[in-house]
Amino acid sequence: MVKQRFPEAEDRMFNRVFICMKCGGRKKGDLIKVRAGKVKCRKCKSKQLRPIHKEHK
């Protein structure tokens, strides 16, 4: 059974949230800045970030 999610919670958890490809750290930022390489991971200083998945695979 899937729980209902509120739109406010969806935005807070998934909107503008990116995951580091090296260490798995989370970072909030704008998509344009992430694609331009201006946003770095807090932990490992990597610029390789991906959007967070909304569903578990």
Protein backbone atom coordinates (compact mmCIF):
# COMPACT_ATOMS: atom_id res chain seq x y z
CA MET A 1 0.00 0.00 0.00
CA VAL A 2 1.38 3.40 -1.01
CA LYS A 3 0.99 6.27 1.43
CA GLN A 4 -0.42 9.56 0.21
CA ARG A 5 2.14 12.35 0.12
CA PHE A 6 1.35 16.00 0.53
CA PRO A 7 2.52 18.36 -2.25
CA GLU A 8 4.41 20.46 0.31
CA ALA A 9 6.31 17.41 1.50
CA GLU A 10 7.06 16.35 -2.09
CA ASP A 11 8.59 19.75 -2.83
CA ARG A 12 10.64 19.73 0.35
CA MET A 13 12.01 16.22 -0.19
CA PHE A 14 12.51 16.08 -3.98
CA ASN A 15 12.46 19.57 -5.51
CA ARG A 16 15.97 20.99 -6.14
CA VAL A 17 17.64 18.12 -4.22
CA PHE A 18 20.72 16.50 -5.74
CA ILE A 19 22.86 13.52 -4.70
CA CYS A 20 26.65 13.31 -5.06
CA MET A 21 27.77 10.50 -7.36
CA LYS A 22 30.91 9.80 -5.29
CA CYS A 23 29.92 9.98 -1.63
CA GLY A 24 26.10 10.08 -1.65
CA GLY A 25 25.79 13.45 0.09
CA ARG A 26 22.67 15.56 -0.40
CA LYS A 27 22.73 19.14 -1.64
CA LYS A 28 19.97 21.59 -2.53
CA GLY A 29 20.57 23.86 -5.49
CA ASP A 30 19.26 25.18 -8.78
CA LEU A 31 19.28 22.82 -11.77
CA ILE A 32 20.92 25.43 -14.00
CA LYS A 33 23.81 25.93 -11.58
CA VAL A 34 24.27 22.17 -11.07
CA ARG A 35 24.45 21.55 -14.82
CA ALA A 36 26.91 24.42 -15.22
CA GLY A 37 29.17 22.85 -12.56
CA LYS A 38 28.93 25.75 -10.12
CA VAL A 39 27.58 23.64 -7.23
CA LYS A 40 29.90 21.32 -5.28
CA CYS A 41 29.31 18.57 -2.74
CA ARG A 42 29.83 19.65 0.88
CA LYS A 43 31.64 16.45 1.87
CA CYS A 44 33.99 15.58 -1.00
CA LYS A 45 33.93 18.80 -3.10
CA SER A 46 32.90 16.84 -6.21
CA LYS A 47 30.85 18.52 -8.96
CA GLN A 48 29.24 15.27 -10.11
CA LEU A 49 25.65 15.55 -8.88
CA ARG A 50 22.46 13.83 -10.00
CA PRO A 51 18.79 14.51 -9.21
CA ILE A 52 17.28 12.45 -6.39
CA HIS A 53 15.04 9.53 -7.41
CA LYS A 54 11.43 9.95 -6.33
CA GLU A 55 10.76 6.20 -6.16
CA HIS A 56 12.86 3.34 -4.88
CA LYS A 57 13.94 0.87 -7.53
